[in-house]
C-alpha atoms as a PDB file:
ATOM      1  CA  MET A   1     -21.725 -30.569   1.457  1.00  0.00           C
ATOM      2  CA  GLN A   2     -20.946 -27.353   3.290  1.00  0.00           C
ATOM      3  CA  ASP A   3     -21.785 -24.013   1.634  1.00  0.00           C
ATOM      4  CA  TYR A   4     -18.697 -21.830   1.669  1.00  0.00           C
ATOM      5  CA  ILE A   5     -18.794 -18.044   1.952  1.00  0.00           C
ATOM      6  CA  ALA A   6     -16.578 -16.043  -0.396  1.00  0.00           C
ATOM      7  CA  ILE A   7     -14.117 -14.035   1.694  1.00  0.00           C
ATOM      8  CA  SER A   8     -14.605 -11.035  -0.601  1.00  0.00           C
ATOM      9  CA  THR A   9     -18.248 -10.768   0.470  1.00  0.00           C
ATOM     10  CA  LEU A  10     -17.418 -10.235   4.155  1.00  0.00           C
ATOM     11  CA  ASN A  11     -16.662  -6.528   3.703  1.00  0.00           C
ATOM     12  CA  ASP A  12     -19.588  -6.175   1.287  1.00  0.00           C
ATOM     13  CA  PHE A  13     -21.921  -7.652   3.911  1.00  0.00           C
ATOM     14  CA  ILE A  14     -20.919  -5.076   6.512  1.00  0.00           C
ATOM     15  CA  PHE A  15     -21.183  -2.290   3.939  1.00  0.00           C
ATOM     16  CA  CYS A  16     -24.623  -3.397   2.752  1.00  0.00           C
ATOM     17  CA  PRO A  17     -25.978  -6.951   2.421  1.00  0.00           C
ATOM     18  CA  TYR A  18     -28.073  -5.848  -0.550  1.00  0.00           C
ATOM     19  CA  SER A  19     -24.903  -4.860  -2.439  1.00  0.00           C
ATOM     20  CA  ILE A  20     -23.985  -8.575  -2.590  1.00  0.00           C
ATOM     21  CA  TYR A  21     -27.276  -9.260  -4.349  1.00  0.00           C
ATOM     22  CA  LEU A  22     -26.763  -6.325  -6.742  1.00  0.00           C
ATOM     23  CA  HIS A  23     -23.209  -7.445  -7.456  1.00  0.00           C
ATOM     24  CA  ASN A  24     -24.455 -10.877  -8.483  1.00  0.00           C
ATOM     25  CA  VAL A  25     -27.245  -9.395 -10.628  1.00  0.00           C
ATOM     26  CA  TYR A  26     -24.893  -7.089 -12.548  1.00  0.00           C
ATOM     27  CA  MET A  27     -21.829  -9.369 -12.569  1.00  0.00           C
ATOM     28  CA  GLY A  28     -20.885 -10.328 -16.094  1.00  0.00           C
ATOM     29  CA  GLY A  29     -22.542  -7.254 -17.537  1.00  0.00           C
ATOM     30  CA  ASP A  30     -20.913  -4.180 -18.982  1.00  0.00           C
ATOM     31  CA  GLU A  31     -18.468  -3.050 -16.288  1.00  0.00           C
ATOM     32  CA  ASP A  32     -18.452   0.476 -17.734  1.00  0.00           C
ATOM     33  CA  LEU A  33     -22.076   0.791 -16.667  1.00  0.00           C
ATOM     34  CA  VAL A  34     -21.533  -0.462 -13.144  1.00  0.00           C
ATOM     35  CA  HIS A  35     -17.941   0.160 -12.065  1.00  0.00           C
ATOM     36  CA  ALA A  36     -17.093   3.529 -10.597  1.00  0.00           C
ATOM     37  CA  THR A  37     -13.636   5.069 -10.829  1.00  0.00           C
ATOM     38  CA  PRO A  38     -12.342   3.411  -7.608  1.00  0.00           C
ATOM     39  CA  GLN A  39     -13.301  -0.061  -8.873  1.00  0.00           C
ATOM     40  CA  THR A  40     -11.731   0.564 -12.280  1.00  0.00           C
ATOM     41  CA  GLN A  41      -8.504   1.805 -10.654  1.00  0.00           C
ATOM     42  CA  GLY A  42      -8.490  -1.109  -8.211  1.00  0.00           C
ATOM     43  CA  LYS A  43      -9.012  -3.672 -10.948  1.00  0.00           C
ATOM     44  CA  ALA A  44      -6.185  -2.206 -13.041  1.00  0.00           C
ATOM     45  CA  ALA A  45      -3.860  -2.115 -10.028  1.00  0.00           C
ATOM     46  CA  HIS A  46      -4.745  -5.723  -9.207  1.00  0.00           C
ATOM     47  CA  GLU A  47      -3.931  -7.160 -12.641  1.00  0.00           C
ATOM     48  CA  ALA A  48      -0.300  -7.999 -11.818  1.00  0.00           C
ATOM     49  CA  ILE A  49      -1.459 -10.033  -8.798  1.00  0.00           C
ATOM     50  CA  ASP A  50      -4.354 -11.735 -10.572  1.00  0.00           C
ATOM     51  CA  GLU A  51      -2.205 -12.660 -13.576  1.00  0.00           C
ATOM     52  CA  LYS A  52       0.653 -13.751 -11.299  1.00  0.00           C
ATOM     53  CA  LYS A  53       3.033 -11.245 -12.907  1.00  0.00           C
ATOM     54  CA  TYR A  54       3.724  -9.293  -9.718  1.00  0.00           C
ATOM     55  CA  SER A  55       6.937 -11.088  -8.843  1.00  0.00           C
ATOM     56  CA  THR A  56       9.199 -13.874 -10.023  1.00  0.00           C
ATOM     57  CA  ARG A  57      10.612 -14.448  -6.536  1.00  0.00           C
ATOM     58  CA  LYS A  58      10.191 -18.036  -5.389  1.00  0.00           C
ATOM     59  CA  ASP A  59       9.266 -16.968  -1.834  1.00  0.00           C
ATOM     60  CA  GLU A  60       6.348 -14.781  -3.001  1.00  0.00           C
ATOM     61  CA  ILE A  61       2.966 -16.325  -3.730  1.00  0.00           C
ATOM     62  CA  THR A  62       0.222 -14.330  -5.437  1.00  0.00           C
ATOM     63  CA  ALA A  63      -3.445 -15.002  -6.146  1.00  0.00           C
ATOM     64  CA  LEU A  64      -3.444 -18.244  -4.163  1.00  0.00           C
ATOM     65  CA  SER A  65      -6.855 -19.854  -3.736  1.00  0.00           C
ATOM     66  CA  VAL A  66      -7.444 -20.492  -0.033  1.00  0.00           C
ATOM     67  CA  TYR A  67     -10.110 -22.124   2.096  1.00  0.00           C
ATOM     68  CA  SER A  68     -10.979 -22.973   5.656  1.00  0.00           C
ATOM     69  CA  ASN A  69     -13.160 -25.981   6.385  1.00  0.00           C
ATOM     70  CA  GLU A  70     -13.413 -24.863  10.010  1.00  0.00           C
ATOM     71  CA  LEU A  71     -14.825 -21.427   9.144  1.00  0.00           C
ATOM     72  CA  GLY A  72     -16.582 -22.404   5.904  1.00  0.00           C
ATOM     73  CA  ILE A  73     -14.893 -19.731   3.787  1.00  0.00           C
ATOM     74  CA  ILE A  74     -13.045 -19.612   0.464  1.00  0.00           C
ATOM     75  CA  GLY A  75     -11.210 -16.931  -1.456  1.00  0.00           C
ATOM     76  CA  LYS A  76      -7.892 -15.743  -2.786  1.00  0.00           C
ATOM     77  CA  ILE A  77      -5.032 -13.944  -1.183  1.00  0.00           C
ATOM     78  CA  ASP A  78      -3.183 -11.115  -2.857  1.00  0.00           C
ATOM     79  CA  LEU A  79       0.371 -11.698  -1.667  1.00  0.00           C
ATOM     80  CA  TYR A  80       2.203 -13.978   0.742  1.00  0.00           C
ATOM     81  CA  LYS A  81       5.892 -13.243   1.321  1.00  0.00           C
ATOM     82  CA  GLY A  82       7.275 -16.553   2.532  1.00  0.00           C
ATOM     83  CA  ASN A  83      10.621 -15.255   3.793  1.00  0.00           C
ATOM     84  CA  GLU A  84       8.827 -12.694   5.962  1.00  0.00           C
ATOM     85  CA  LYS A  85       5.828 -14.931   6.780  1.00  0.00           C
ATOM     86  CA  ALA A  86       3.733 -11.918   5.744  1.00  0.00           C
ATOM     87  CA  LEU A  87       0.223 -11.898   4.279  1.00  0.00           C
ATOM     88  CA  ILE A  88      -0.553  -8.667   2.430  1.00  0.00           C
ATOM     89  CA  GLU A  89      -3.857  -7.394   1.064  1.00  0.00           C
ATOM     90  CA  ARG A  90      -3.224  -4.826  -1.659  1.00  0.00           C
ATOM     91  CA  LYS A  91      -5.592  -1.925  -2.346  1.00  0.00           C
ATOM     92  CA  TYR A  92      -5.248   0.838  -4.908  1.00  0.00           C
ATOM     93  CA  LEU A  93      -5.959   3.543  -2.329  1.00  0.00           C
ATOM     94  CA  LEU A  94      -6.689   3.386   1.392  1.00  0.00           C
ATOM     95  CA  HIS A  95      -8.037   6.345   3.329  1.00  0.00           C
ATOM     96  CA  THR A  96      -9.571   4.277   6.108  1.00  0.00           C
ATOM     97  CA  ILE A  97      -9.349   0.596   6.967  1.00  0.00           C
ATOM     98  CA  TYR A  98     -12.821  -0.684   7.781  1.00  0.00           C
ATOM     99  CA  GLN A  99     -13.729  -3.621  10.021  1.00  0.00           C
ATOM    100  CA  GLY A 100     -14.992  -5.606   7.028  1.00  0.00           C
ATOM    101  CA  GLN A 101     -11.583  -5.302   5.380  1.00  0.00           C
ATOM    102  CA  ILE A 102      -9.945  -6.517   8.582  1.00  0.00           C
ATOM    103  CA  TYR A 103     -12.334  -9.486   8.648  1.00  0.00           C
ATOM    104  CA  GLN A 104     -11.289 -10.302   5.083  1.00  0.00           C
ATOM    105  CA  LEU A 105      -7.609 -10.272   6.032  1.00  0.00           C
ATOM    106  CA  TRP A 106      -8.269 -12.309   9.180  1.00  0.00           C
ATOM    107  CA  ALA A 107     -10.240 -14.823   7.096  1.00  0.00           C
ATOM    108  CA  GLN A 108      -7.323 -15.134   4.669  1.00  0.00           C
ATOM    109  CA  TYR A 109      -5.007 -15.604   7.656  1.00  0.00           C
ATOM    110  CA  TYR A 110      -7.088 -18.472   9.060  1.00  0.00           C
ATOM    111  CA  CYS A 111      -7.310 -20.093   5.632  1.00  0.00           C
ATOM    112  CA  MET A 112      -3.544 -19.884   5.184  1.00  0.00           C
ATOM    113  CA  THR A 113      -2.771 -21.274   8.634  1.00  0.00           C
ATOM    114  CA  GLU A 114      -5.294 -24.095   8.222  1.00  0.00           C
ATOM    115  CA  MET A 115      -3.628 -24.912   4.901  1.00  0.00           C
ATOM    116  CA  GLY A 116      -0.237 -25.202   6.635  1.00  0.00           C
ATOM    117  CA  TYR A 117       1.335 -21.808   5.925  1.00  0.00           C
ATOM    118  CA  GLU A 118       3.072 -19.929   8.711  1.00  0.00           C
ATOM    119  CA  VAL A 119       1.821 -16.344   8.912  1.00  0.00           C
ATOM    120  CA  LYS A 120       3.347 -13.988  11.458  1.00  0.00           C
ATOM    121  CA  HIS A 121       2.519 -10.602   9.918  1.00  0.00           C
ATOM    122  CA  LEU A 122      -0.599  -9.090   8.357  1.00  0.00           C
ATOM    123  CA  SER A 123      -0.842  -5.815   6.509  1.00  0.00           C
ATOM    124  CA  PHE A 124      -2.661  -3.749   3.964  1.00  0.00           C
ATOM    125  CA  TYR A 125      -0.691  -2.047   1.234  1.00  0.00           C
ATOM    126  CA  SER A 126      -1.889   1.109  -0.528  1.00  0.00           C
ATOM    127  CA  ILE A 127      -0.498   0.972  -4.055  1.00  0.00           C
ATOM    128  CA  SER A 128      -1.124   4.626  -4.951  1.00  0.00           C
ATOM    129  CA  THR A 129       0.645   5.962  -1.862  1.00  0.00           C
ATOM    130  CA  ASN A 130       3.187   3.144  -1.436  1.00  0.00           C
ATOM    131  CA  THR A 131       2.115   2.828   2.196  1.00  0.00           C
ATOM    132  CA  LYS A 132       2.008  -0.302   4.333  1.00  0.00           C
ATOM    133  CA  TYR A 133      -0.508  -0.594   7.180  1.00  0.00           C
ATOM    134  CA  PRO A 134       0.317  -3.380   9.655  1.00  0.00           C
ATOM    135  CA  ILE A 135      -2.622  -5.182  11.266  1.00  0.00           C
ATOM    136  CA  ASP A 136      -2.353  -7.316  14.390  1.00  0.00           C
ATOM    137  CA  VAL A 137      -2.654 -11.060  13.935  1.00  0.00           C
ATOM    138  CA  PRO A 138      -5.983 -11.947  15.567  1.00  0.00           C
ATOM    139  CA  ASP A 139      -5.952 -13.512  19.025  1.00  0.00           C
ATOM    140  CA  GLU A 140      -8.636 -15.902  20.309  1.00  0.00           C
ATOM    141  CA  ASN A 141     -11.025 -12.990  20.903  1.00  0.00           C
ATOM    142  CA  GLY A 142     -10.491 -11.846  17.324  1.00  0.00           C
ATOM    143  CA  LYS A 143     -11.154 -15.332  16.038  1.00  0.00           C
ATOM    144  CA  GLN A 144     -14.387 -15.539  18.032  1.00  0.00           C
ATOM    145  CA  GLU A 145     -15.400 -12.130  16.686  1.00  0.00           C
ATOM    146  CA  LEU A 146     -14.851 -13.395  13.122  1.00  0.00           C
ATOM    147  CA  VAL A 147     -16.741 -16.637  13.842  1.00  0.00           C
ATOM    148  CA  ASP A 148     -19.665 -14.642  15.289  1.00  0.00           C
ATOM    149  CA  PHE A 149     -19.673 -12.362  12.234  1.00  0.00           C
ATOM    150  CA  ILE A 150     -19.676 -15.340   9.822  1.00  0.00           C
ATOM    151  CA  THR A 151     -22.589 -16.786  11.810  1.00  0.00           C
ATOM    152  CA  ARG A 152     -24.533 -13.502  11.426  1.00  0.00           C
ATOM    153  CA  PHE A 153     -23.740 -13.607   7.708  1.00  0.00           C
ATOM    154  CA  LYS A 154     -25.100 -17.152   7.397  1.00  0.00           C
ATOM    155  CA  GLN A 155     -28.222 -16.283   9.397  1.00  0.00           C
ATOM    156  CA  PHE A 156     -29.036 -13.128   7.425  1.00  0.00           C
ATOM    157  CA  ASP A 157     -32.667 -13.033   6.321  1.00  0.00           C
ATOM    158  CA  PRO A 158     -32.949 -11.217   2.963  1.00  0.00           C
ATOM    159  CA  THR A 159     -36.740 -11.023   3.304  1.00  0.00           C
ATOM    160  CA  LYS A 160     -36.428  -8.498   6.133  1.00  0.00           C
ATOM    161  CA  PRO A 161     -36.298  -4.784   5.263  1.00  0.00           C
ATOM    162  CA  ILE A 162     -32.920  -3.328   4.317  1.00  0.00           C
ATOM    163  CA  HIS A 163     -31.982  -0.273   6.349  1.00  0.00           C
ATOM    164  CA  THR A 164     -30.194   2.191   4.124  1.00  0.00           C
ATOM    165  CA  ASN A 165     -27.504   4.608   5.214  1.00  0.00           C
ATOM    166  CA  ILE A 166     -27.324   7.652   2.948  1.00  0.00           C
ATOM    167  CA  ASN A 167     -23.570   8.038   3.582  1.00  0.00           C
ATOM    168  CA  LYS A 168     -22.878   4.457   2.574  1.00  0.00           C
ATOM    169  CA  CYS A 169     -25.347   4.564  -0.320  1.00  0.00           C
ATOM    170  CA  ALA A 170     -23.600   7.608  -1.781  1.00  0.00           C
ATOM    171  CA  HIS A 171     -20.372   5.570  -1.973  1.00  0.00           C
ATOM    172  CA  CYS A 172     -21.924   2.392  -3.332  1.00  0.00           C
ATOM    173  CA  ILE A 173     -21.188   1.593  -6.972  1.00  0.00           C
ATOM    174  CA  TYR A 174     -24.683   0.112  -7.285  1.00  0.00           C
ATOM    175  CA  CYS A 175     -26.430   3.150  -5.792  1.00  0.00           C
ATOM    176  CA  ASN A 176     -27.838   4.403  -9.101  1.00  0.00           C
ATOM    177  CA  LEU A 177     -29.168   0.911  -9.860  1.00  0.00           C
ATOM    178  CA  CYS A 178     -30.553   0.222  -6.379  1.00  0.00           C
ATOM    179  CA  ASP A 179     -34.272   0.160  -5.678  1.00  0.00           C
ATOM    180  CA  LYS A 180     -33.727   0.780  -1.942  1.00  0.00           C
ATOM    181  CA  THR A 181     -32.560   4.402  -2.165  1.00  0.00           C
ATOM    182  CA  GLU A 182     -33.029   7.584  -4.166  1.00  0.00           C
ATOM    183  CA  THR A 183     -29.500   8.747  -3.373  1.00  0.00           C
ATOM    184  CA  GLU A 184     -27.067   9.429  -6.227  1.00  0.00           C
ATOM    185  CA  ASN A 185     -23.563   8.072  -5.790  1.00  0.00           C
ATOM    186  CA  VAL A 186     -20.577  10.392  -5.557  1.00  0.00           C
ATOM    187  CA  TYR A 187     -19.019   8.848  -8.679  1.00  0.00           C
ATOM    188  CA  SER A 188     -21.655  10.046 -11.166  1.00  0.00           C
END
């Protein structure tokens, strides 16, 4: 049986592979101890999607579990607008769209298309600013880039030293719990 990668970990991997480990260690614990303000706001903003209360429109699908056998990935989408053929990843607040977030959206796109959905438009939506950020549908080069990234993810060796980045560490919710840095996070 193939081991599938959770789409949500793609951005985490680029941010810091060790954060995936820390997430799994502290998952299920007291969220008040671990979650910083951005995660708490994001979770609250995501409730309507997760509980499928965002819309009653028949052409809108929320929180759909998706997978791709070809890429070996699984996850959930936020919103698919069938009439528009649009796949939308919702975030509470977006200042910058990072490559890992784009990989997540591309991964959702490939899952949806493999599952038979037609997707012509991709975008991020910032809930707090009511702003939509269109993203190009990946071409063959984009697909190869995603495949190469998933391969690097699968080949990651956790026994090798983790190289910390003080700027990233300061914005990591696990920073104060991490044994790889002495940096305090900006959310304390």
